[in-house]
């Protein structure tokens, strides 16, 4: 294990500790790291999409990644470069510098307008997903007030809301 960044005097003392002493120390450290006050202290300055440094417990290296999920005691970070997802305790994340500016929330782009009756004509080729999420492609044979009747050519017809339809372009 790489011990860079650890006080060499502390390592020397730990080298001379008995197994029982190391176990007791480990137990105390685990309880301290699981303390909700410590978790809240780190978590209050974190948000989804934020780039953070975290420690890889396998080799002690600090890595960079973006926060993709936050739960009560753990968060998920997607490592930059490898795109690997890490589920980590909050205490494995380096807290942001005090007073670091939080980015202003960006406005989400407006949702595209839903398709309506005026967007479709009889004879057009369209596609939609059925209740089993299978894509069905067919031709509009009738247009009603809220639905279109679609004939996929297999002897069945479907009545589908316009918001679920999308145009199919033959190439």
N, C-alpha and C. Protein backbone atom coordinates (compact mmCIF):
# COMPACT_ATOMS: atom_id res chain seq x y z
N UNK A 1 0.84 -1.17 0.00
CA UNK A 1 0.00 0.00 0.00
C UNK A 1 0.88 1.23 0.00
N UNK A 2 0.51 2.24 -0.76
CA UNK A 2 1.25 3.47 -0.83
C UNK A 2 0.92 4.33 0.38
N UNK A 3 1.93 4.76 1.14
CA UNK A 3 1.69 5.50 2.37
C UNK A 3 2.06 6.97 2.22
N UNK A 4 2.05 7.50 0.99
CA UNK A 4 2.34 8.93 0.80
C UNK A 4 1.30 9.75 1.53
N UNK A 5 1.73 10.85 2.10
CA UNK A 5 0.80 11.74 2.78
C UNK A 5 0.52 11.37 4.22
N UNK A 6 1.05 10.24 4.69
CA UNK A 6 0.85 9.82 6.08
C UNK A 6 2.12 10.14 6.85
N UNK A 7 1.94 10.73 8.02
CA UNK A 7 3.07 11.12 8.87
C UNK A 7 3.93 9.88 9.17
N UNK A 8 5.20 9.92 8.81
CA UNK A 8 6.07 8.75 9.05
C UNK A 8 6.16 8.37 10.53
N UNK A 9 6.06 9.34 11.44
CA UNK A 9 6.11 9.03 12.87
C UNK A 9 4.91 8.19 13.27
N UNK A 10 3.74 8.51 12.69
CA UNK A 10 2.52 7.75 12.98
C UNK A 10 2.68 6.31 12.47
N UNK A 11 3.24 6.17 11.28
CA UNK A 11 3.48 4.82 10.74
C UNK A 11 4.43 4.03 11.64
N UNK A 12 5.45 4.68 12.14
CA UNK A 12 6.40 4.02 13.03
C UNK A 12 5.72 3.51 14.29
N UNK A 13 4.86 4.33 14.90
CA UNK A 13 4.15 3.92 16.10
C UNK A 13 3.23 2.75 15.79
N UNK A 14 2.54 2.81 14.66
CA UNK A 14 1.61 1.74 14.29
C UNK A 14 2.35 0.44 14.01
N UNK A 15 3.56 0.52 13.47
CA UNK A 15 4.34 -0.68 13.21
C UNK A 15 4.65 -1.44 14.49
N UNK A 16 4.79 -0.72 15.60
CA UNK A 16 5.14 -1.35 16.87
C UNK A 16 3.91 -1.73 17.69
N UNK A 17 2.71 -1.42 17.20
CA UNK A 17 1.48 -1.75 17.94
C UNK A 17 1.18 -3.25 17.78
N UNK A 18 0.55 -3.82 18.79
CA UNK A 18 0.15 -5.23 18.71
C UNK A 18 -1.09 -5.35 17.82
N UNK A 19 -1.39 -6.57 17.41
CA UNK A 19 -2.58 -6.80 16.60
C UNK A 19 -3.84 -6.36 17.32
N UNK A 20 -3.91 -6.65 18.62
CA UNK A 20 -5.08 -6.25 19.40
C UNK A 20 -5.21 -4.73 19.44
N UNK A 21 -4.11 -4.03 19.63
CA UNK A 21 -4.15 -2.57 19.64
C UNK A 21 -4.61 -2.02 18.28
N UNK A 22 -4.11 -2.61 17.20
CA UNK A 22 -4.53 -2.17 15.86
C UNK A 22 -6.02 -2.44 15.65
N UNK A 23 -6.49 -3.60 16.14
CA UNK A 23 -7.92 -3.92 16.02
C UNK A 23 -8.76 -2.92 16.80
N UNK A 24 -8.34 -2.59 18.02
CA UNK A 24 -9.08 -1.61 18.83
C UNK A 24 -9.09 -0.25 18.15
N UNK A 25 -7.97 0.15 17.63
CA UNK A 25 -7.89 1.43 16.92
C UNK A 25 -8.80 1.44 15.69
N UNK A 26 -8.78 0.33 14.96
CA UNK A 26 -9.65 0.20 13.78
C UNK A 26 -11.12 0.33 14.17
N UNK A 27 -11.50 -0.29 15.26
CA UNK A 27 -12.89 -0.24 15.74
C UNK A 27 -13.29 1.20 16.09
N UNK A 28 -12.40 1.89 16.80
CA UNK A 28 -12.69 3.29 17.17
C UNK A 28 -12.79 4.16 15.92
N UNK A 29 -11.89 3.97 14.98
CA UNK A 29 -11.90 4.77 13.74
C UNK A 29 -13.18 4.51 12.95
N UNK A 30 -13.59 3.26 12.82
CA UNK A 30 -14.82 2.94 12.09
C UNK A 30 -16.04 3.61 12.73
N UNK A 31 -16.11 3.59 14.07
CA UNK A 31 -17.23 4.26 14.76
C UNK A 31 -17.20 5.77 14.51
N UNK A 32 -16.02 6.34 14.55
CA UNK A 32 -15.90 7.78 14.33
C UNK A 32 -16.30 8.16 12.90
N UNK A 33 -15.88 7.35 11.92
CA UNK A 33 -16.21 7.65 10.53
C UNK A 33 -17.69 7.46 10.24
N UNK A 34 -18.36 6.58 11.00
CA UNK A 34 -19.79 6.34 10.81
C UNK A 34 -20.65 7.34 11.58
N UNK A 35 -20.04 8.25 12.31
CA UNK A 35 -20.77 9.25 13.09
C UNK A 35 -21.56 10.15 12.14
N UNK A 36 -22.88 10.25 12.32
CA UNK A 36 -23.70 11.08 11.43
C UNK A 36 -23.23 12.53 11.34
N UNK A 37 -22.64 13.07 12.41
CA UNK A 37 -22.16 14.45 12.37
C UNK A 37 -21.05 14.60 11.32
N UNK A 38 -20.17 13.61 11.26
CA UNK A 38 -19.09 13.66 10.26
C UNK A 38 -19.65 13.53 8.84
N UNK A 39 -20.64 12.66 8.68
CA UNK A 39 -21.25 12.47 7.36
C UNK A 39 -21.92 13.76 6.90
N UNK A 40 -22.70 14.37 7.79
CA UNK A 40 -23.39 15.62 7.45
C UNK A 40 -22.38 16.71 7.14
N UNK A 41 -21.28 16.76 7.88
CA UNK A 41 -20.25 17.76 7.68
C UNK A 41 -19.71 17.71 6.24
N UNK A 42 -19.53 16.51 5.71
CA UNK A 42 -19.04 16.36 4.33
C UNK A 42 -20.18 16.56 3.34
N UNK A 43 -21.32 15.95 3.63
CA UNK A 43 -22.43 15.91 2.68
C UNK A 43 -23.03 17.29 2.39
N UNK A 44 -23.02 18.19 3.36
CA UNK A 44 -23.69 19.48 3.19
C UNK A 44 -23.10 20.31 2.04
N UNK A 45 -21.86 20.07 1.69
CA UNK A 45 -21.21 20.83 0.63
C UNK A 45 -21.13 20.08 -0.69
N UNK A 46 -21.80 18.92 -0.77
CA UNK A 46 -21.75 18.12 -2.00
C UNK A 46 -23.07 18.21 -2.74
N UNK A 47 -23.02 18.01 -4.05
CA UNK A 47 -24.23 17.98 -4.86
C UNK A 47 -23.99 17.11 -6.10
N UNK A 48 -25.09 16.64 -6.69
CA UNK A 48 -24.99 15.80 -7.89
C UNK A 48 -24.28 16.55 -9.00
N UNK A 49 -23.43 15.84 -9.73
CA UNK A 49 -22.70 16.42 -10.84
C UNK A 49 -21.40 17.10 -10.44
N UNK A 50 -21.15 17.24 -9.14
CA UNK A 50 -19.95 17.90 -8.66
C UNK A 50 -18.73 17.01 -8.86
N UNK A 51 -17.62 17.61 -9.24
CA UNK A 51 -16.36 16.87 -9.36
C UNK A 51 -15.68 16.89 -8.00
N UNK A 52 -15.29 15.71 -7.53
CA UNK A 52 -14.66 15.58 -6.21
C UNK A 52 -13.43 14.68 -6.30
N UNK A 53 -12.58 14.79 -5.29
CA UNK A 53 -11.46 13.86 -5.13
C UNK A 53 -11.87 12.83 -4.10
N UNK A 54 -11.52 11.57 -4.36
CA UNK A 54 -11.83 10.51 -3.41
C UNK A 54 -10.68 9.54 -3.35
N UNK A 55 -10.63 8.80 -2.24
CA UNK A 55 -9.52 7.88 -2.04
C UNK A 55 -9.88 6.47 -2.51
N UNK A 56 -8.99 5.91 -3.32
CA UNK A 56 -9.09 4.51 -3.73
C UNK A 56 -8.50 3.69 -2.60
N UNK A 57 -9.37 2.95 -1.88
CA UNK A 57 -8.92 2.18 -0.71
C UNK A 57 -7.93 1.09 -1.07
N UNK A 58 -7.89 0.69 -2.36
CA UNK A 58 -6.99 -0.41 -2.75
C UNK A 58 -5.53 0.01 -2.74
N UNK A 59 -5.26 1.25 -3.18
CA UNK A 59 -3.86 1.67 -3.26
C UNK A 59 -3.58 3.00 -2.56
N UNK A 60 -4.60 3.60 -1.95
CA UNK A 60 -4.40 4.86 -1.23
C UNK A 60 -4.29 6.08 -2.12
N UNK A 61 -4.47 5.91 -3.43
CA UNK A 61 -4.37 7.02 -4.38
C UNK A 61 -5.64 7.87 -4.34
N UNK A 62 -5.49 9.16 -4.55
CA UNK A 62 -6.63 10.05 -4.69
C UNK A 62 -7.03 10.07 -6.16
N UNK A 63 -8.32 9.99 -6.42
CA UNK A 63 -8.83 9.96 -7.78
C UNK A 63 -9.87 11.06 -7.94
N UNK A 64 -10.19 11.39 -9.19
CA UNK A 64 -11.20 12.40 -9.50
C UNK A 64 -12.42 11.75 -10.11
N UNK A 65 -13.58 12.28 -9.77
CA UNK A 65 -14.81 11.76 -10.37
C UNK A 65 -15.97 12.70 -10.10
N UNK A 66 -17.10 12.40 -10.76
CA UNK A 66 -18.33 13.19 -10.59
C UNK A 66 -19.32 12.42 -9.75
N UNK A 67 -20.02 13.12 -8.87
CA UNK A 67 -21.05 12.51 -8.04
C UNK A 67 -22.26 12.23 -8.91
N UNK A 68 -22.71 10.96 -8.94
CA UNK A 68 -23.87 10.59 -9.75
C UNK A 68 -25.06 10.15 -8.89
N UNK A 69 -24.84 9.84 -7.61
CA UNK A 69 -25.94 9.46 -6.71
C UNK A 69 -25.51 9.71 -5.28
N UNK A 70 -26.50 10.11 -4.46
CA UNK A 70 -26.23 10.36 -3.04
C UNK A 70 -27.29 9.66 -2.21
N UNK A 71 -26.85 8.85 -1.25
CA UNK A 71 -27.76 8.15 -0.34
C UNK A 71 -27.44 8.58 1.08
N UNK A 72 -28.04 7.91 2.06
CA UNK A 72 -27.86 8.32 3.46
C UNK A 72 -26.41 8.28 3.92
N UNK A 73 -25.74 7.16 3.72
CA UNK A 73 -24.39 7.01 4.25
C UNK A 73 -23.34 6.84 3.16
N UNK A 74 -23.77 6.73 1.90
CA UNK A 74 -22.83 6.50 0.80
C UNK A 74 -23.21 7.36 -0.40
N UNK A 75 -22.23 7.54 -1.28
CA UNK A 75 -22.50 8.20 -2.54
C UNK A 75 -21.83 7.41 -3.65
N UNK A 76 -22.30 7.62 -4.86
CA UNK A 76 -21.72 6.95 -6.02
C UNK A 76 -21.01 8.00 -6.85
N UNK A 77 -19.75 7.71 -7.17
CA UNK A 77 -18.92 8.63 -7.94
C UNK A 77 -18.47 7.90 -9.20
N UNK A 78 -18.60 8.58 -10.35
CA UNK A 78 -18.12 8.00 -11.60
C UNK A 78 -16.73 8.58 -11.86
N UNK A 79 -15.74 7.70 -11.83
CA UNK A 79 -14.35 8.14 -11.96
C UNK A 79 -14.10 8.71 -13.35
N UNK A 80 -13.40 9.85 -13.39
CA UNK A 80 -13.01 10.44 -14.66
C UNK A 80 -12.00 9.51 -15.33
N UNK A 81 -12.04 9.46 -16.62
CA UNK A 81 -11.09 8.63 -17.35
C UNK A 81 -11.58 7.20 -17.54
N UNK A 82 -11.70 6.45 -16.46
CA UNK A 82 -12.09 5.04 -16.59
C UNK A 82 -13.60 4.87 -16.65
N UNK A 83 -14.36 5.88 -16.23
CA UNK A 83 -15.83 5.86 -16.19
C UNK A 83 -16.34 4.77 -15.25
N UNK A 84 -15.50 4.30 -14.32
CA UNK A 84 -15.90 3.30 -13.34
C UNK A 84 -16.76 3.96 -12.27
N UNK A 85 -17.76 3.23 -11.79
CA UNK A 85 -18.62 3.74 -10.72
C UNK A 85 -18.11 3.22 -9.38
N UNK A 86 -17.95 4.11 -8.43
CA UNK A 86 -17.48 3.78 -7.09
C UNK A 86 -18.59 4.12 -6.10
N UNK A 87 -18.95 3.17 -5.24
CA UNK A 87 -19.85 3.43 -4.13
C UNK A 87 -18.98 3.60 -2.90
N UNK A 88 -19.02 4.79 -2.33
CA UNK A 88 -18.09 5.16 -1.28
C UNK A 88 -18.80 5.73 -0.07
N UNK A 89 -18.21 5.59 1.12
CA UNK A 89 -18.75 6.34 2.26
C UNK A 89 -18.40 7.81 2.05
N UNK A 90 -19.21 8.70 2.59
CA UNK A 90 -18.94 10.13 2.45
C UNK A 90 -17.57 10.51 2.98
N UNK A 91 -17.10 9.78 3.98
CA UNK A 91 -15.82 10.11 4.58
C UNK A 91 -14.64 9.79 3.68
N UNK A 92 -14.84 9.08 2.56
CA UNK A 92 -13.76 8.79 1.62
C UNK A 92 -13.60 9.91 0.60
N UNK A 93 -14.48 10.92 0.68
CA UNK A 93 -14.45 12.03 -0.27
C UNK A 93 -13.79 13.23 0.38
N UNK A 94 -12.89 13.86 -0.34
CA UNK A 94 -12.27 15.09 0.16
C UNK A 94 -13.30 16.20 0.10
N UNK A 95 -13.61 16.81 1.24
CA UNK A 95 -14.62 17.87 1.21
C UNK A 95 -14.12 19.05 0.39
N UNK A 96 -15.06 19.77 -0.27
CA UNK A 96 -14.64 20.93 -1.05
C UNK A 96 -14.01 21.98 -0.13
N UNK A 97 -13.21 22.83 -0.71
CA UNK A 97 -12.56 23.89 0.06
C UNK A 97 -13.62 24.77 0.71
N UNK A 98 -13.39 25.20 1.95
CA UNK A 98 -14.38 26.05 2.62
C UNK A 98 -14.64 27.31 1.79
N UNK A 99 -15.92 27.61 1.65
CA UNK A 99 -16.31 28.79 0.89
C UNK A 99 -16.27 28.61 -0.61
N UNK A 100 -16.00 27.38 -1.07
CA UNK A 100 -15.99 27.14 -2.51
C UNK A 100 -17.38 27.40 -3.05
N UNK A 101 -17.43 28.12 -4.14
CA UNK A 101 -18.73 28.51 -4.71
C UNK A 101 -19.43 27.30 -5.30
N UNK A 102 -20.69 27.18 -4.96
CA UNK A 102 -21.53 26.15 -5.57
C UNK A 102 -22.03 26.70 -6.87
N UNK A 103 -21.98 25.93 -7.94
CA UNK A 103 -22.46 26.45 -9.21
C UNK A 103 -23.96 26.72 -9.14
N UNK A 104 -24.35 27.78 -9.81
CA UNK A 104 -25.77 28.12 -9.84
C UNK A 104 -26.51 27.02 -10.60
N UNK A 105 -27.70 26.66 -10.11
CA UNK A 105 -28.44 25.62 -10.82
C UNK A 105 -28.77 26.08 -12.23
N UNK A 106 -28.50 25.19 -13.17
CA UNK A 106 -28.79 25.53 -14.56
C UNK A 106 -30.22 25.14 -14.89
N UNK A 107 -30.85 25.99 -15.65
CA UNK A 107 -32.23 25.72 -16.05
C UNK A 107 -32.24 24.57 -17.04
N UNK A 108 -33.14 23.63 -16.82
CA UNK A 108 -33.25 22.51 -17.75
C UNK A 108 -33.86 23.01 -19.05
N UNK A 109 -33.40 22.47 -20.18
CA UNK A 109 -34.00 22.89 -21.44
C UNK A 109 -35.47 22.50 -21.47
N UNK A 110 -36.28 23.30 -22.11
CA UNK A 110 -37.70 22.97 -22.15
C UNK A 110 -37.93 21.65 -22.88
N UNK A 111 -38.93 20.93 -22.42
CA UNK A 111 -39.26 19.66 -23.06
C UNK A 111 -39.77 19.92 -24.47
N UNK A 112 -39.43 19.03 -25.41
CA UNK A 112 -39.94 19.23 -26.76
C UNK A 112 -41.46 19.15 -26.75
N UNK A 113 -42.10 19.88 -27.62
CA UNK A 113 -43.56 19.85 -27.63
C UNK A 113 -44.08 18.45 -27.96
N UNK A 114 -45.17 18.07 -27.29
CA UNK A 114 -45.75 16.76 -27.56
C UNK A 114 -46.42 16.77 -28.92
N UNK A 115 -46.36 15.63 -29.55
CA UNK A 115 -47.01 15.49 -30.85
C UNK A 115 -48.52 15.60 -30.67
N UNK A 116 -49.17 16.19 -31.65
CA UNK A 116 -50.62 16.35 -31.59
C UNK A 116 -51.25 15.81 -32.87
N UNK A 117 -52.54 15.89 -32.92
CA UNK A 117 -53.31 15.39 -34.07
C UNK A 117 -52.84 16.05 -35.37
N UNK A 118 -52.49 17.34 -35.30
CA UNK A 118 -52.11 18.09 -36.50
C UNK A 118 -50.75 17.66 -37.06
N UNK A 119 -49.98 16.87 -36.31
CA UNK A 119 -48.65 16.44 -36.77
C UNK A 119 -48.70 15.17 -37.62
N UNK A 120 -49.87 14.53 -37.75
CA UNK A 120 -49.97 13.25 -38.44
C UNK A 120 -51.06 13.29 -39.50
N UNK A 121 -50.90 12.47 -40.56
CA UNK A 121 -51.87 12.32 -41.63
C UNK A 121 -52.07 10.85 -41.95
N UNK A 122 -53.23 10.51 -42.48
CA UNK A 122 -53.49 9.13 -42.90
C UNK A 122 -52.48 8.74 -43.97
N UNK A 123 -51.99 7.49 -43.89
CA UNK A 123 -51.03 6.98 -44.85
C UNK A 123 -49.58 7.15 -44.42
N UNK A 124 -49.33 7.92 -43.37
CA UNK A 124 -47.96 8.11 -42.90
C UNK A 124 -47.48 6.89 -42.13
N UNK A 125 -46.19 6.62 -42.24
CA UNK A 125 -45.59 5.51 -41.50
C UNK A 125 -45.15 6.04 -40.14
N UNK A 126 -45.53 5.33 -39.06
CA UNK A 126 -45.21 5.74 -37.70
C UNK A 126 -44.73 4.54 -36.89
N UNK A 127 -44.18 4.84 -35.72
CA UNK A 127 -43.73 3.78 -34.80
C UNK A 127 -44.14 4.18 -33.39
N UNK A 128 -44.28 3.16 -32.52
CA UNK A 128 -44.57 3.36 -31.11
C UNK A 128 -44.15 2.11 -30.36
N UNK A 129 -44.09 2.19 -29.03
CA UNK A 129 -43.76 1.04 -28.21
C UNK A 129 -45.03 0.49 -27.58
N UNK A 130 -45.23 -0.84 -27.66
CA UNK A 130 -46.40 -1.44 -27.02
C UNK A 130 -46.14 -1.62 -25.52
N UNK A 131 -47.07 -2.24 -24.80
CA UNK A 131 -46.93 -2.35 -23.35
C UNK A 131 -45.76 -3.23 -22.93
N UNK A 132 -45.22 -4.02 -23.84
CA UNK A 132 -44.05 -4.86 -23.54
C UNK A 132 -42.77 -4.21 -24.03
N UNK A 133 -42.86 -2.92 -24.40
CA UNK A 133 -41.74 -2.12 -24.90
C UNK A 133 -41.16 -2.63 -26.21
N UNK A 134 -41.98 -3.32 -26.99
CA UNK A 134 -41.59 -3.74 -28.33
C UNK A 134 -41.98 -2.63 -29.29
N UNK A 135 -41.11 -2.31 -30.24
CA UNK A 135 -41.42 -1.27 -31.21
C UNK A 135 -42.34 -1.84 -32.29
N UNK A 136 -43.43 -1.14 -32.52
CA UNK A 136 -44.39 -1.52 -33.55
C UNK A 136 -44.36 -0.43 -34.61
N UNK A 137 -44.17 -0.84 -35.87
CA UNK A 137 -44.15 0.09 -36.99
C UNK A 137 -45.37 -0.20 -37.85
N UNK A 138 -46.08 0.85 -38.24
CA UNK A 138 -47.26 0.66 -39.07
C UNK A 138 -47.65 1.94 -39.77
N UNK A 139 -48.80 1.87 -40.43
CA UNK A 139 -49.31 3.00 -41.21
C UNK A 139 -50.59 3.50 -40.55
N UNK A 140 -50.74 4.82 -40.51
CA UNK A 140 -51.96 5.42 -39.95
C UNK A 140 -53.10 5.18 -40.94
N UNK A 141 -54.16 4.53 -40.47
CA UNK A 141 -55.32 4.27 -41.34
C UNK A 141 -56.52 5.14 -40.97
N UNK A 142 -56.51 5.72 -39.77
CA UNK A 142 -57.61 6.57 -39.34
C UNK A 142 -57.12 7.51 -38.25
N UNK A 143 -57.63 8.73 -38.27
CA UNK A 143 -57.28 9.70 -37.24
C UNK A 143 -58.54 10.09 -36.50
N UNK A 144 -58.52 9.89 -35.20
CA UNK A 144 -59.63 10.27 -34.33
C UNK A 144 -59.25 11.56 -33.60
N UNK A 145 -60.10 11.97 -32.64
CA UNK A 145 -59.83 13.19 -31.90
C UNK A 145 -58.55 13.09 -31.06
N UNK A 146 -58.38 11.98 -30.32
CA UNK A 146 -57.23 11.82 -29.42
C UNK A 146 -56.29 10.69 -29.81
N UNK A 147 -56.67 9.82 -30.72
CA UNK A 147 -55.84 8.67 -31.09
C UNK A 147 -55.79 8.51 -32.60
N UNK A 148 -54.81 7.72 -33.02
CA UNK A 148 -54.72 7.32 -34.42
C UNK A 148 -54.82 5.80 -34.46
N UNK A 149 -55.46 5.27 -35.49
CA UNK A 149 -55.54 3.83 -35.68
C UNK A 149 -54.38 3.42 -36.58
N UNK A 150 -53.56 2.50 -36.08
CA UNK A 150 -52.34 2.09 -36.78
C UNK A 150 -52.49 0.65 -37.24
N UNK A 151 -52.13 0.40 -38.50
CA UNK A 151 -52.14 -0.96 -39.06
C UNK A 151 -50.69 -1.36 -39.31
N UNK A 152 -50.15 -2.29 -38.48
CA UNK A 152 -48.77 -2.73 -38.69
C UNK A 152 -48.63 -3.76 -39.81
N UNK A 153 -49.73 -4.20 -40.39
CA UNK A 153 -49.66 -5.14 -41.50
C UNK A 153 -49.70 -6.59 -41.08
N UNK A 154 -49.99 -6.86 -39.80
CA UNK A 154 -50.03 -8.24 -39.33
C UNK A 154 -51.45 -8.69 -39.01
N UNK A 155 -52.45 -7.95 -39.50
CA UNK A 155 -53.84 -8.33 -39.26
C UNK A 155 -54.44 -7.68 -38.02
N UNK A 156 -53.63 -7.01 -37.21
CA UNK A 156 -54.12 -6.31 -36.02
C UNK A 156 -54.15 -4.82 -36.29
N UNK A 157 -54.92 -4.11 -35.51
CA UNK A 157 -54.86 -2.65 -35.53
C UNK A 157 -54.69 -2.15 -34.11
N UNK A 158 -54.09 -1.01 -33.98
CA UNK A 158 -53.81 -0.41 -32.68
C UNK A 158 -54.38 1.00 -32.66
N UNK A 159 -54.97 1.39 -31.53
CA UNK A 159 -55.37 2.78 -31.31
C UNK A 159 -54.36 3.37 -30.34
N UNK A 160 -53.64 4.39 -30.81
CA UNK A 160 -52.50 4.92 -30.06
C UNK A 160 -52.63 6.45 -29.96
N UNK A 161 -52.37 6.97 -28.76
CA UNK A 161 -52.37 8.43 -28.56
C UNK A 161 -51.25 9.07 -29.36
N UNK A 162 -51.51 10.30 -29.80
CA UNK A 162 -50.53 10.99 -30.65
C UNK A 162 -49.21 11.24 -29.94
N UNK A 163 -49.24 11.43 -28.64
CA UNK A 163 -48.02 11.67 -27.89
C UNK A 163 -47.07 10.49 -27.87
N UNK A 164 -47.58 9.30 -28.16
CA UNK A 164 -46.75 8.09 -28.16
C UNK A 164 -46.21 7.74 -29.54
N UNK A 165 -46.69 8.44 -30.56
CA UNK A 165 -46.28 8.15 -31.93
C UNK A 165 -45.04 8.95 -32.33
N UNK A 166 -44.25 8.38 -33.21
CA UNK A 166 -43.15 9.12 -33.83
C UNK A 166 -43.09 8.74 -35.30
N UNK A 167 -42.70 9.70 -36.11
CA UNK A 167 -42.64 9.48 -37.56
C UNK A 167 -41.50 8.53 -37.88
N UNK A 168 -41.71 7.71 -38.91
CA UNK A 168 -40.67 6.81 -39.42
C UNK A 168 -40.35 7.28 -40.83
N UNK A 169 -39.06 7.47 -41.09
CA UNK A 169 -38.64 7.92 -42.40
C UNK A 169 -38.00 6.75 -43.13
N UNK A 170 -38.53 6.39 -44.28
CA UNK A 170 -37.92 5.33 -45.10
C UNK A 170 -36.74 5.92 -45.87
N UNK A 171 -35.63 5.16 -45.85
CA UNK A 171 -34.43 5.65 -46.56
C UNK A 171 -34.20 4.76 -47.75
